[in-house]
Amino acid sequence: MPPPSRSTPRRPSARPAATRRPPKAPPAEPRLVLLNKPFDVLTQFSDGEGRATLKDFVDIPGIYPAGRLDRDSEGLLLLTNDGRLQARIADPKHKLAKTYWVQVEGEVSEAQLQQLREGVALNDGPTLPAEARALDEPALWPRTPPVRFRKSVPTCWLELVIREGRNRQVRRMTAAVGLPTLRLVRVKIGDWTLEGLEPGAWREVPVPR
């Protein structure tokens, strides 16, 4: 009889080497930028219709607006790469004061100012009380294009301080008391101000801890 055949023992298959993941990049340092947004500029970094955006003025990757400012409004806009700071600035629950200089059609009365101070009824509910006062015409840059005036109708300036963030809130508030807004400039958010910034200019400031 032939000797029993011996099978060659199988070697265990080699396991594939574990894939090493590249180390995570350290988080970017928090940054905070103050921009004087010009009139007719969208508060976003891209637009499919060729309109002016923040990218035309600020070239810093990874930052985004903390809150909004309407295309037809001007003034202080904050931009950051820090999500927590963005929420602190933009979320109405934090009630961060925002100061606006508003040119309106008509001459403001004390009764109209008092309406604004007490809160105005809008279609989405009453506003919180605002700080409101008449303002001498401020020394601002000329708007491009200029505001259209009616020779027969006087205009005046107000300072409004609100702690909400509803859509087009200031314009709706002044209209509700009979003073249509002609020009709207945000000059302060919390302790950050527009001082020293020309339209389209920006500066970086320390991030609050």
N, C-alpha and C. Protein backbone atom coordinates (compact mmCIF):
# COMPACT_ATOMS: atom_id res chain seq x y z
N MET A 1 0.85 -1.20 0.00
CA MET A 1 0.00 0.00 0.00
C MET A 1 0.88 1.24 0.00
N PRO A 2 0.47 2.27 -0.76
CA PRO A 2 1.28 3.50 -0.77
C PRO A 2 1.16 4.23 0.55
N PRO A 3 2.21 4.86 0.96
CA PRO A 3 2.14 5.62 2.25
C PRO A 3 1.11 6.72 2.17
N PRO A 4 0.45 6.98 3.30
CA PRO A 4 -0.57 8.06 3.30
C PRO A 4 0.07 9.40 2.93
N SER A 5 -0.66 10.16 2.13
CA SER A 5 -0.13 11.48 1.72
C SER A 5 -0.22 12.46 2.86
N ARG A 6 0.77 13.27 2.92
CA ARG A 6 0.78 14.32 3.96
C ARG A 6 0.52 15.68 3.30
N SER A 7 -0.51 16.37 3.80
CA SER A 7 -0.80 17.70 3.24
C SER A 7 0.13 18.73 3.86
N THR A 8 0.51 19.65 3.03
CA THR A 8 1.40 20.72 3.52
C THR A 8 0.59 21.67 4.40
N PRO A 9 1.04 21.93 5.65
CA PRO A 9 0.27 22.83 6.54
C PRO A 9 0.16 24.23 5.93
N ARG A 10 -1.03 24.79 6.07
CA ARG A 10 -1.26 26.14 5.54
C ARG A 10 -0.76 27.19 6.52
N ARG A 11 -0.11 28.13 5.93
CA ARG A 11 0.32 29.27 6.77
C ARG A 11 -0.83 30.25 6.93
N PRO A 12 -0.97 30.80 8.10
CA PRO A 12 -2.04 31.81 8.28
C PRO A 12 -1.80 32.99 7.35
N SER A 13 -2.90 33.43 6.72
CA SER A 13 -2.76 34.58 5.80
C SER A 13 -2.37 35.83 6.57
N ALA A 14 -1.54 36.61 5.95
CA ALA A 14 -1.08 37.85 6.60
C ALA A 14 -2.22 38.85 6.68
N ARG A 15 -2.40 39.45 7.83
CA ARG A 15 -3.44 40.47 8.00
C ARG A 15 -2.97 41.80 7.40
N PRO A 16 -3.89 42.47 6.75
CA PRO A 16 -3.48 43.77 6.20
C PRO A 16 -3.09 44.74 7.30
N ALA A 17 -2.08 45.48 7.03
CA ALA A 17 -1.63 46.46 8.03
C ALA A 17 -2.73 47.48 8.29
N ALA A 18 -2.89 47.83 9.56
CA ALA A 18 -3.92 48.80 9.93
C ALA A 18 -3.62 50.15 9.28
N THR A 19 -4.68 50.75 8.73
CA THR A 19 -4.51 52.05 8.09
C THR A 19 -4.44 53.14 9.16
N ARG A 20 -3.39 53.88 9.13
CA ARG A 20 -3.24 54.95 10.12
C ARG A 20 -3.93 56.21 9.63
N ARG A 21 -4.78 56.72 10.47
CA ARG A 21 -5.44 57.97 10.11
C ARG A 21 -4.51 59.14 10.40
N PRO A 22 -4.51 60.10 9.49
CA PRO A 22 -3.66 61.27 9.76
C PRO A 22 -4.16 61.99 11.01
N PRO A 23 -3.25 62.54 11.78
CA PRO A 23 -3.67 63.25 13.00
C PRO A 23 -4.57 64.43 12.65
N LYS A 24 -5.54 64.65 13.53
CA LYS A 24 -6.45 65.77 13.30
C LYS A 24 -5.71 67.10 13.42
N ALA A 25 -6.06 67.99 12.52
CA ALA A 25 -5.46 69.32 12.59
C ALA A 25 -5.98 70.03 13.83
N PRO A 26 -5.13 70.77 14.51
CA PRO A 26 -5.61 71.51 15.68
C PRO A 26 -6.68 72.52 15.27
N PRO A 27 -7.65 72.78 16.15
CA PRO A 27 -8.69 73.75 15.80
C PRO A 27 -8.10 75.12 15.52
N ALA A 28 -8.71 75.80 14.56
CA ALA A 28 -8.23 77.13 14.20
C ALA A 28 -8.42 78.08 15.37
N GLU A 29 -7.50 79.00 15.48
CA GLU A 29 -7.63 80.02 16.52
C GLU A 29 -8.88 80.86 16.26
N PRO A 30 -9.67 81.12 17.30
CA PRO A 30 -10.85 81.97 17.10
C PRO A 30 -10.47 83.35 16.57
N ARG A 31 -11.26 83.83 15.62
CA ARG A 31 -11.01 85.15 15.04
C ARG A 31 -12.32 85.93 15.02
N LEU A 32 -12.19 87.24 15.15
CA LEU A 32 -13.36 88.12 15.11
C LEU A 32 -13.01 89.34 14.27
N VAL A 33 -13.84 89.60 13.27
CA VAL A 33 -13.60 90.70 12.33
C VAL A 33 -14.78 91.66 12.36
N LEU A 34 -14.49 92.95 12.38
CA LEU A 34 -15.51 94.00 12.28
C LEU A 34 -15.46 94.58 10.88
N LEU A 35 -16.59 94.56 10.19
CA LEU A 35 -16.67 95.08 8.83
C LEU A 35 -17.71 96.18 8.76
N ASN A 36 -17.40 97.23 8.01
CA ASN A 36 -18.39 98.25 7.69
C ASN A 36 -19.01 97.86 6.35
N LYS A 37 -20.14 97.16 6.41
CA LYS A 37 -20.77 96.66 5.19
C LYS A 37 -21.39 97.81 4.40
N PRO A 38 -21.01 97.97 3.14
CA PRO A 38 -21.61 99.04 2.33
C PRO A 38 -23.05 98.71 1.94
N PHE A 39 -23.75 99.72 1.49
CA PHE A 39 -25.09 99.57 0.93
C PHE A 39 -25.04 98.64 -0.29
N ASP A 40 -26.10 97.86 -0.49
CA ASP A 40 -26.28 97.01 -1.67
C ASP A 40 -25.29 95.84 -1.70
N VAL A 41 -24.85 95.37 -0.54
CA VAL A 41 -23.97 94.21 -0.44
C VAL A 41 -24.70 93.12 0.35
N LEU A 42 -24.71 91.90 -0.18
CA LEU A 42 -25.37 90.78 0.49
C LEU A 42 -24.53 90.30 1.66
N THR A 43 -25.20 89.89 2.74
CA THR A 43 -24.50 89.37 3.91
C THR A 43 -24.24 87.88 3.73
N GLN A 44 -23.47 87.54 2.72
CA GLN A 44 -23.06 86.17 2.43
C GLN A 44 -21.84 86.25 1.53
N PHE A 45 -21.18 85.09 1.33
CA PHE A 45 -19.91 85.08 0.61
C PHE A 45 -20.03 84.63 -0.84
N SER A 46 -21.22 84.27 -1.30
CA SER A 46 -21.37 83.89 -2.70
C SER A 46 -22.78 84.24 -3.15
N ASP A 47 -22.92 84.40 -4.46
CA ASP A 47 -24.23 84.72 -5.03
C ASP A 47 -24.23 84.33 -6.50
N GLY A 48 -25.23 83.57 -6.89
CA GLY A 48 -25.29 83.11 -8.26
C GLY A 48 -25.75 84.15 -9.25
N GLU A 49 -26.13 85.33 -8.77
CA GLU A 49 -26.66 86.36 -9.66
C GLU A 49 -25.68 87.50 -9.90
N GLY A 50 -24.47 87.34 -9.42
CA GLY A 50 -23.45 88.35 -9.69
C GLY A 50 -23.54 89.59 -8.83
N ARG A 51 -24.31 89.53 -7.74
CA ARG A 51 -24.41 90.71 -6.87
C ARG A 51 -23.22 90.78 -5.92
N ALA A 52 -22.98 91.96 -5.38
CA ALA A 52 -21.85 92.15 -4.45
C ALA A 52 -22.08 91.36 -3.17
N THR A 53 -21.02 90.70 -2.69
CA THR A 53 -21.09 89.92 -1.46
C THR A 53 -19.92 90.28 -0.55
N LEU A 54 -19.87 89.65 0.61
CA LEU A 54 -18.78 89.91 1.56
C LEU A 54 -17.42 89.52 0.99
N LYS A 55 -17.41 88.57 0.05
CA LYS A 55 -16.15 88.12 -0.54
C LYS A 55 -15.44 89.26 -1.28
N ASP A 56 -16.21 90.25 -1.70
CA ASP A 56 -15.60 91.39 -2.39
C ASP A 56 -14.81 92.29 -1.45
N PHE A 57 -14.95 92.07 -0.14
CA PHE A 57 -14.31 92.96 0.83
C PHE A 57 -13.43 92.23 1.85
N VAL A 58 -13.78 90.99 2.20
CA VAL A 58 -13.05 90.25 3.22
C VAL A 58 -12.57 88.93 2.62
N ASP A 59 -11.26 88.71 2.62
CA ASP A 59 -10.70 87.47 2.07
C ASP A 59 -10.02 86.68 3.19
N ILE A 60 -10.82 86.19 4.12
CA ILE A 60 -10.31 85.37 5.22
C ILE A 60 -11.07 84.06 5.19
N PRO A 61 -10.41 82.93 4.93
CA PRO A 61 -11.14 81.66 4.85
C PRO A 61 -11.70 81.23 6.19
N GLY A 62 -12.88 80.62 6.15
CA GLY A 62 -13.43 79.99 7.35
C GLY A 62 -14.24 80.88 8.26
N ILE A 63 -14.41 82.16 7.91
CA ILE A 63 -15.24 83.02 8.77
C ILE A 63 -16.61 83.19 8.12
N TYR A 64 -17.57 83.53 8.96
CA TYR A 64 -18.94 83.70 8.48
C TYR A 64 -19.63 84.74 9.34
N PRO A 65 -20.72 85.33 8.84
CA PRO A 65 -21.36 86.42 9.59
C PRO A 65 -22.00 85.94 10.89
N ALA A 66 -21.86 86.74 11.92
CA ALA A 66 -22.56 86.50 13.18
C ALA A 66 -23.78 87.43 13.19
N GLY A 67 -24.89 86.92 12.65
CA GLY A 67 -26.07 87.76 12.46
C GLY A 67 -26.11 88.29 11.04
N ARG A 68 -27.13 89.07 10.75
CA ARG A 68 -27.33 89.55 9.39
C ARG A 68 -27.49 91.07 9.37
N LEU A 69 -27.36 91.61 8.18
CA LEU A 69 -27.63 93.02 7.94
C LEU A 69 -28.18 93.08 6.52
N ASP A 70 -29.37 93.64 6.38
CA ASP A 70 -30.05 93.61 5.08
C ASP A 70 -29.19 94.22 3.99
N ARG A 71 -29.45 93.79 2.77
CA ARG A 71 -28.71 94.30 1.62
C ARG A 71 -28.81 95.82 1.51
N ASP A 72 -29.99 96.39 1.84
CA ASP A 72 -30.17 97.83 1.72
C ASP A 72 -29.84 98.58 3.00
N SER A 73 -29.19 97.91 3.95
CA SER A 73 -28.72 98.57 5.17
C SER A 73 -27.19 98.60 5.16
N GLU A 74 -26.63 99.46 5.98
CA GLU A 74 -25.18 99.67 6.02
C GLU A 74 -24.68 99.49 7.44
N GLY A 75 -23.35 99.39 7.54
CA GLY A 75 -22.76 99.50 8.86
C GLY A 75 -22.16 98.23 9.41
N LEU A 76 -22.13 98.15 10.73
CA LEU A 76 -21.33 97.16 11.44
C LEU A 76 -21.87 95.74 11.25
N LEU A 77 -20.96 94.87 10.81
CA LEU A 77 -21.24 93.45 10.70
C LEU A 77 -20.07 92.71 11.33
N LEU A 78 -20.36 91.72 12.18
CA LEU A 78 -19.32 90.93 12.81
C LEU A 78 -19.19 89.60 12.09
N LEU A 79 -17.95 89.16 11.90
CA LEU A 79 -17.67 87.87 11.25
C LEU A 79 -16.71 87.09 12.12
N THR A 80 -16.91 85.77 12.21
CA THR A 80 -16.08 84.95 13.08
C THR A 80 -16.00 83.53 12.54
N ASN A 81 -14.99 82.79 12.99
CA ASN A 81 -14.89 81.36 12.70
C ASN A 81 -15.24 80.52 13.91
N ASP A 82 -15.74 81.17 14.96
CA ASP A 82 -16.04 80.51 16.23
C ASP A 82 -17.55 80.34 16.38
N GLY A 83 -18.02 79.10 16.37
CA GLY A 83 -19.46 78.84 16.44
C GLY A 83 -20.11 79.34 17.71
N ARG A 84 -19.43 79.18 18.83
CA ARG A 84 -20.01 79.63 20.10
C ARG A 84 -20.16 81.15 20.14
N LEU A 85 -19.13 81.82 19.65
CA LEU A 85 -19.19 83.29 19.61
C LEU A 85 -20.29 83.74 18.65
N GLN A 86 -20.39 83.07 17.51
CA GLN A 86 -21.44 83.40 16.54
C GLN A 86 -22.81 83.30 17.19
N ALA A 87 -23.04 82.24 17.96
CA ALA A 87 -24.33 82.07 18.63
C ALA A 87 -24.57 83.15 19.67
N ARG A 88 -23.51 83.50 20.40
CA ARG A 88 -23.64 84.53 21.43
C ARG A 88 -24.04 85.87 20.83
N ILE A 89 -23.51 86.17 19.64
CA ILE A 89 -23.78 87.45 19.00
C ILE A 89 -25.14 87.44 18.32
N ALA A 90 -25.45 86.34 17.61
CA ALA A 90 -26.62 86.32 16.74
C ALA A 90 -27.91 85.89 17.42
N ASP A 91 -27.81 85.06 18.45
CA ASP A 91 -29.03 84.51 19.06
C ASP A 91 -29.75 85.57 19.88
N PRO A 92 -31.02 85.85 19.55
CA PRO A 92 -31.76 86.89 20.27
C PRO A 92 -31.90 86.63 21.76
N LYS A 93 -31.77 85.36 22.19
CA LYS A 93 -31.96 85.07 23.62
C LYS A 93 -30.89 85.74 24.48
N HIS A 94 -29.75 86.08 23.86
CA HIS A 94 -28.69 86.76 24.61
C HIS A 94 -28.95 88.26 24.72
N LYS A 95 -29.92 88.77 23.93
CA LYS A 95 -30.36 90.16 24.02
C LYS A 95 -29.18 91.15 23.95
N LEU A 96 -28.28 90.90 23.01
CA LEU A 96 -27.16 91.81 22.80
C LEU A 96 -27.67 93.08 22.14
N ALA A 97 -27.35 94.22 22.73
CA ALA A 97 -27.87 95.50 22.23
C ALA A 97 -27.25 95.84 20.87
N LYS A 98 -28.10 96.27 19.95
CA LYS A 98 -27.66 96.71 18.62
C LYS A 98 -28.15 98.14 18.41
N THR A 99 -27.23 99.04 18.07
CA THR A 99 -27.54 100.46 17.94
C THR A 99 -27.57 100.86 16.47
N TYR A 100 -28.64 101.55 16.08
CA TYR A 100 -28.83 101.97 14.69
C TYR A 100 -29.04 103.48 14.63
N TRP A 101 -28.49 104.10 13.59
CA TRP A 101 -28.84 105.46 13.23
C TRP A 101 -29.75 105.38 12.02
N VAL A 102 -30.91 105.99 12.13
CA VAL A 102 -31.95 105.80 11.13
C VAL A 102 -32.42 107.15 10.60
N GLN A 103 -32.32 107.35 9.31
CA GLN A 103 -32.90 108.53 8.67
C GLN A 103 -34.30 108.18 8.23
N VAL A 104 -35.27 108.97 8.68
CA VAL A 104 -36.68 108.66 8.39
C VAL A 104 -37.34 109.84 7.67
N GLU A 105 -38.41 109.51 7.02
CA GLU A 105 -39.20 110.53 6.34
C GLU A 105 -40.20 111.11 7.34
N GLY A 106 -40.18 112.44 7.48
CA GLY A 106 -41.06 113.09 8.45
C GLY A 106 -40.26 113.64 9.61
N GLU A 107 -40.96 114.34 10.50
CA GLU A 107 -40.34 114.90 11.70
C GLU A 107 -40.86 114.14 12.91
N VAL A 108 -39.96 113.56 13.67
CA VAL A 108 -40.37 112.70 14.78
C VAL A 108 -40.95 113.54 15.92
N SER A 109 -41.97 113.01 16.56
CA SER A 109 -42.58 113.66 17.72
C SER A 109 -42.22 112.86 18.98
N GLU A 110 -42.42 113.48 20.12
CA GLU A 110 -42.16 112.78 21.38
C GLU A 110 -43.10 111.59 21.53
N ALA A 111 -44.33 111.72 21.01
CA ALA A 111 -45.29 110.61 21.10
C ALA A 111 -44.80 109.40 20.29
N GLN A 112 -44.21 109.66 19.13
CA GLN A 112 -43.68 108.55 18.31
C GLN A 112 -42.48 107.90 18.98
N LEU A 113 -41.62 108.72 19.56
CA LEU A 113 -40.48 108.16 20.29
C LEU A 113 -40.96 107.28 21.45
N GLN A 114 -42.00 107.73 22.13
CA GLN A 114 -42.52 106.97 23.25
C GLN A 114 -43.11 105.63 22.79
N GLN A 115 -43.76 105.63 21.63
CA GLN A 115 -44.26 104.38 21.07
C GLN A 115 -43.12 103.38 20.86
N LEU A 116 -42.04 103.86 20.30
CA LEU A 116 -40.89 102.98 20.07
C LEU A 116 -40.30 102.48 21.38
N ARG A 117 -40.28 103.35 22.39
CA ARG A 117 -39.71 102.95 23.69
C ARG A 117 -40.56 101.90 24.38
N GLU A 118 -41.86 101.97 24.17
CA GLU A 118 -42.76 101.04 24.86
C GLU A 118 -42.92 99.71 24.12
N GLY A 119 -42.56 99.69 22.83
CA GLY A 119 -42.77 98.49 22.02
C GLY A 119 -43.86 98.74 20.99
N VAL A 120 -43.65 98.23 19.79
CA VAL A 120 -44.54 98.48 18.67
C VAL A 120 -45.20 97.18 18.25
N ALA A 121 -46.49 97.24 17.92
CA ALA A 121 -47.21 96.05 17.45
C ALA A 121 -46.88 95.81 15.98
N LEU A 122 -46.25 94.68 15.68
CA LEU A 122 -45.96 94.28 14.30
C LEU A 122 -46.78 93.04 13.95
N ASN A 123 -46.75 92.64 12.69
CA ASN A 123 -47.58 91.51 12.29
C ASN A 123 -47.10 90.18 12.87
N ASP A 124 -45.87 90.14 13.40
CA ASP A 124 -45.39 88.92 14.06
C ASP A 124 -45.30 89.12 15.58
N GLY A 125 -46.08 90.07 16.10
CA GLY A 125 -46.14 90.28 17.54
C GLY A 125 -45.48 91.57 17.96
N PRO A 126 -45.75 91.99 19.20
CA PRO A 126 -45.16 93.25 19.69
C PRO A 126 -43.66 93.13 19.89
N THR A 127 -42.97 94.24 19.65
CA THR A 127 -41.52 94.27 19.88
C THR A 127 -41.25 94.51 21.36
N LEU A 128 -40.03 94.18 21.76
CA LEU A 128 -39.59 94.56 23.09
C LEU A 128 -39.39 96.08 23.14
N PRO A 129 -39.47 96.67 24.31
CA PRO A 129 -39.18 98.10 24.41
C PRO A 129 -37.79 98.42 23.85
N ALA A 130 -37.68 99.53 23.16
CA ALA A 130 -36.41 99.97 22.57
C ALA A 130 -35.98 101.27 23.22
N GLU A 131 -34.70 101.58 23.07
CA GLU A 131 -34.23 102.92 23.42
C GLU A 131 -34.35 103.75 22.16
N ALA A 132 -34.94 104.94 22.27
CA ALA A 132 -35.18 105.76 21.08
C ALA A 132 -34.99 107.22 21.44
N ARG A 133 -34.27 107.94 20.58
CA ARG A 133 -34.12 109.38 20.78
C ARG A 133 -33.90 110.03 19.42
N ALA A 134 -34.25 111.32 19.35
CA ALA A 134 -33.95 112.10 18.15
C ALA A 134 -32.45 112.37 18.11
N LEU A 135 -31.92 112.48 16.89
CA LEU A 135 -30.48 112.59 16.70
C LEU A 135 -30.19 113.71 15.71
N ASP A 136 -29.20 114.55 16.06
CA ASP A 136 -28.73 115.50 15.05
C ASP A 136 -28.12 114.72 13.89
N GLU A 137 -28.16 115.27 12.69
CA GLU A 137 -27.64 114.55 11.54
C GLU A 137 -26.19 114.14 11.78
N PRO A 138 -25.92 112.83 11.75
CA PRO A 138 -24.55 112.37 12.06
C PRO A 138 -23.61 112.59 10.89
N ALA A 139 -22.32 112.63 11.21
CA ALA A 139 -21.29 112.80 10.18
C ALA A 139 -20.98 111.43 9.58
N LEU A 140 -21.73 111.06 8.55
CA LEU A 140 -21.55 109.78 7.89
C LEU A 140 -21.02 109.98 6.47
N TRP A 141 -20.49 108.93 5.91
CA TRP A 141 -20.05 108.93 4.52
C TRP A 141 -21.27 109.07 3.60
N PRO A 142 -21.11 109.63 2.41
CA PRO A 142 -22.23 109.69 1.47
C PRO A 142 -22.60 108.28 1.02
N ARG A 143 -23.88 108.02 0.91
CA ARG A 143 -24.31 106.70 0.45
C ARG A 143 -24.25 106.63 -1.07
N THR A 144 -23.87 105.46 -1.58
CA THR A 144 -23.85 105.23 -3.03
C THR A 144 -24.76 104.05 -3.36
N PRO A 145 -25.86 104.29 -4.09
CA PRO A 145 -26.35 105.57 -4.62
C PRO A 145 -26.97 106.40 -3.50
N PRO A 146 -27.13 107.70 -3.73
CA PRO A 146 -27.70 108.56 -2.68
C PRO A 146 -29.16 108.23 -2.40
N VAL A 147 -29.58 108.60 -1.21
CA VAL A 147 -30.99 108.43 -0.83
C VAL A 147 -31.85 109.36 -1.68
N ARG A 148 -32.99 108.87 -2.11
CA ARG A 148 -33.93 109.70 -2.87
C ARG A 148 -34.85 110.45 -1.90
N PHE A 149 -34.87 111.74 -2.02
CA PHE A 149 -35.68 112.57 -1.14
C PHE A 149 -36.86 113.15 -1.92
N ARG A 150 -37.89 113.50 -1.16
CA ARG A 150 -39.00 114.28 -1.73
C ARG A 150 -38.90 115.68 -1.15
N LYS A 151 -38.79 116.67 -2.02
CA LYS A 151 -38.55 118.05 -1.57
C LYS A 151 -39.63 118.54 -0.61
N SER A 152 -40.83 118.04 -0.78
CA SER A 152 -41.94 118.54 0.04
C SER A 152 -42.03 117.85 1.40
N VAL A 153 -41.19 116.83 1.64
CA VAL A 153 -41.29 116.07 2.89
C VAL A 153 -39.98 116.20 3.67
N PRO A 154 -40.02 116.67 4.90
CA PRO A 154 -38.80 116.79 5.70
C PRO A 154 -38.31 115.41 6.15
N THR A 155 -37.07 115.36 6.56
CA THR A 155 -36.51 114.12 7.11
C THR A 155 -35.82 114.43 8.44
N CYS A 156 -35.58 113.38 9.22
CA CYS A 156 -34.83 113.55 10.47
C CYS A 156 -34.13 112.24 10.79
N TRP A 157 -33.28 112.28 11.81
CA TRP A 157 -32.51 111.11 12.22
C TRP A 157 -32.92 110.66 13.62
N LEU A 158 -32.93 109.34 13.81
CA LEU A 158 -33.19 108.74 15.12
C LEU A 158 -32.04 107.82 15.49
N GLU A 159 -31.88 107.62 16.78
CA GLU A 159 -31.02 106.54 17.27
C GLU A 159 -31.92 105.51 17.95
N LEU A 160 -31.85 104.26 17.49
CA LEU A 160 -32.64 103.18 18.06
C LEU A 160 -31.72 102.09 18.57
N VAL A 161 -31.99 101.61 19.77
CA VAL A 161 -31.25 100.48 20.34
C VAL A 161 -32.24 99.37 20.60
N ILE A 162 -32.04 98.23 19.94
CA ILE A 162 -32.95 97.09 20.11
C ILE A 162 -32.15 95.88 20.58
N ARG A 163 -32.88 94.90 21.12
CA ARG A 163 -32.25 93.68 21.63
C ARG A 163 -32.94 92.44 21.05
N GLU A 164 -33.42 92.59 19.84
CA GLU A 164 -34.03 91.48 19.11
C GLU A 164 -33.37 91.39 17.75
N GLY A 165 -33.79 90.41 16.96
CA GLY A 165 -33.20 90.25 15.64
C GLY A 165 -34.20 89.82 14.60
N ARG A 166 -35.37 90.42 14.60
CA ARG A 166 -36.38 90.04 13.61
C ARG A 166 -36.04 90.59 12.23
N ASN A 167 -36.63 89.97 11.23
CA ASN A 167 -36.39 90.38 9.86
C ASN A 167 -36.84 91.83 9.64
N ARG A 168 -35.91 92.66 9.18
CA ARG A 168 -36.17 94.07 8.85
C ARG A 168 -36.91 94.78 9.99
N GLN A 169 -36.50 94.49 11.20
CA GLN A 169 -37.26 94.96 12.36
C GLN A 169 -37.27 96.48 12.48
N VAL A 170 -36.11 97.12 12.36
CA VAL A 170 -36.06 98.57 12.56
C VAL A 170 -36.93 99.28 11.52
N ARG A 171 -36.84 98.86 10.28
CA ARG A 171 -37.66 99.47 9.22
C ARG A 171 -39.15 99.30 9.53
N ARG A 172 -39.52 98.13 9.99
CA ARG A 172 -40.93 97.90 10.29
C ARG A 172 -41.39 98.71 11.51
N MET A 173 -40.50 98.88 12.48
CA MET A 173 -40.85 99.66 13.66
C MET A 173 -41.10 101.12 13.32
N THR A 174 -40.18 101.71 12.54
CA THR A 174 -40.37 103.13 12.22
C THR A 174 -41.60 103.33 11.33
N ALA A 175 -41.84 102.39 10.41
CA ALA A 175 -43.03 102.50 9.56
C ALA A 175 -44.30 102.40 10.39
N ALA A 176 -44.28 101.57 11.43
CA ALA A 176 -45.47 101.37 12.26
C ALA A 176 -45.87 102.63 13.02
N VAL A 177 -44.89 103.52 13.27
CA VAL A 177 -45.23 104.77 13.97
C VAL A 177 -45.30 105.95 12.99
N GLY A 178 -45.33 105.65 11.68
CA GLY A 178 -45.52 106.70 10.68
C GLY A 178 -44.27 107.38 10.21
N LEU A 179 -43.12 106.70 10.33
CA LEU A 179 -41.84 107.30 9.93
C LEU A 179 -41.09 106.32 9.03
N PRO A 180 -41.37 106.29 7.73
CA PRO A 180 -40.69 105.35 6.85
C PRO A 180 -39.17 105.58 6.84
N THR A 181 -38.43 104.49 6.88
CA THR A 181 -36.97 104.58 6.88
C THR A 181 -36.43 104.86 5.49
N LEU A 182 -35.52 105.83 5.42
CA LEU A 182 -34.82 106.15 4.17
C LEU A 182 -33.41 105.58 4.15
N ARG A 183 -32.74 105.62 5.29
CA ARG A 183 -31.36 105.12 5.38
C ARG A 183 -31.17 104.49 6.76
N LEU A 184 -30.50 103.35 6.79
CA LEU A 184 -30.33 102.62 8.04
C LEU A 184 -28.87 102.20 8.18
N VAL A 185 -28.24 102.64 9.28
CA VAL A 185 -26.82 102.35 9.51
C VAL A 185 -26.67 101.76 10.91
N ARG A 186 -26.12 100.55 11.00
CA ARG A 186 -25.86 99.97 12.32
C ARG A 186 -24.47 100.42 12.76
N VAL A 187 -24.40 101.03 13.94
CA VAL A 187 -23.13 101.62 14.38
C VAL A 187 -22.51 100.88 15.57
N LYS A 188 -23.28 99.99 16.22
CA LYS A 188 -22.73 99.34 17.41
C LYS A 188 -23.46 98.02 17.66
N ILE A 189 -22.69 96.99 18.08
CA ILE A 189 -23.23 95.72 18.53
C ILE A 189 -22.54 95.40 19.85
N GLY A 190 -23.29 95.38 20.94
CA GLY A 190 -22.64 95.20 22.23
C GLY A 190 -21.63 96.31 22.46
N ASP A 191 -20.38 95.94 22.71
CA ASP A 191 -19.32 96.94 22.91
C ASP A 191 -18.51 97.20 21.64
N TRP A 192 -18.82 96.50 20.55
CA TRP A 192 -18.09 96.70 19.30
C TRP A 192 -18.72 97.84 18.51
N THR A 193 -17.89 98.72 17.98
CA THR A 193 -18.40 99.89 17.28
C THR A 193 -17.80 100.00 15.88
N LEU A 194 -18.43 100.85 15.10
CA LEU A 194 -18.04 101.11 13.72
C LEU A 194 -16.92 102.14 13.63
N GLU A 195 -16.56 102.73 14.74
CA GLU A 195 -15.64 103.87 14.75
C GLU A 195 -14.35 103.58 13.98
N GLY A 196 -14.00 104.49 13.07
CA GLY A 196 -12.74 104.38 12.34
C GLY A 196 -12.78 103.51 11.10
N LEU A 197 -13.94 102.96 10.75
CA LEU A 197 -14.04 102.08 9.59
C LEU A 197 -14.80 102.78 8.46
N GLU A 198 -14.15 102.94 7.33
CA GLU A 198 -14.81 103.45 6.14
C GLU A 198 -15.63 102.32 5.50
N PRO A 199 -16.59 102.63 4.64
CA PRO A 199 -17.37 101.58 3.98
C PRO A 199 -16.46 100.58 3.26
N GLY A 200 -16.69 99.30 3.50
CA GLY A 200 -15.90 98.24 2.88
C GLY A 200 -14.64 97.88 3.64
N ALA A 201 -14.27 98.67 4.65
CA ALA A 201 -13.06 98.40 5.43
C ALA A 201 -13.38 97.49 6.61
N TRP A 202 -12.37 96.76 7.08
CA TRP A 202 -12.55 95.88 8.23
C TRP A 202 -11.30 95.90 9.10
N ARG A 203 -11.47 95.44 10.32
CA ARG A 203 -10.32 95.26 11.21
C ARG A 203 -10.59 94.05 12.10
N GLU A 204 -9.51 93.39 12.50
CA GLU A 204 -9.64 92.25 13.39
C GLU A 204 -9.46 92.72 14.83
N VAL A 205 -10.25 92.16 15.73
CA VAL A 205 -10.22 92.55 17.13
C VAL A 205 -10.08 91.30 17.99
N PRO A 206 -9.64 91.45 19.25
CA PRO A 206 -9.50 90.28 20.13
C PRO A 206 -10.86 89.60 20.35
N VAL A 207 -10.81 88.28 20.45
CA VAL A 207 -12.02 87.50 20.73
C VAL A 207 -12.28 87.53 22.23
N PRO A 208 -13.49 87.89 22.66
CA PRO A 208 -13.75 87.93 24.10
C PRO A 208 -13.69 86.52 24.70
N ARG A 209 -13.18 86.43 25.89
CA ARG A 209 -13.06 85.13 26.58
C ARG A 209 -14.23 84.94 27.53
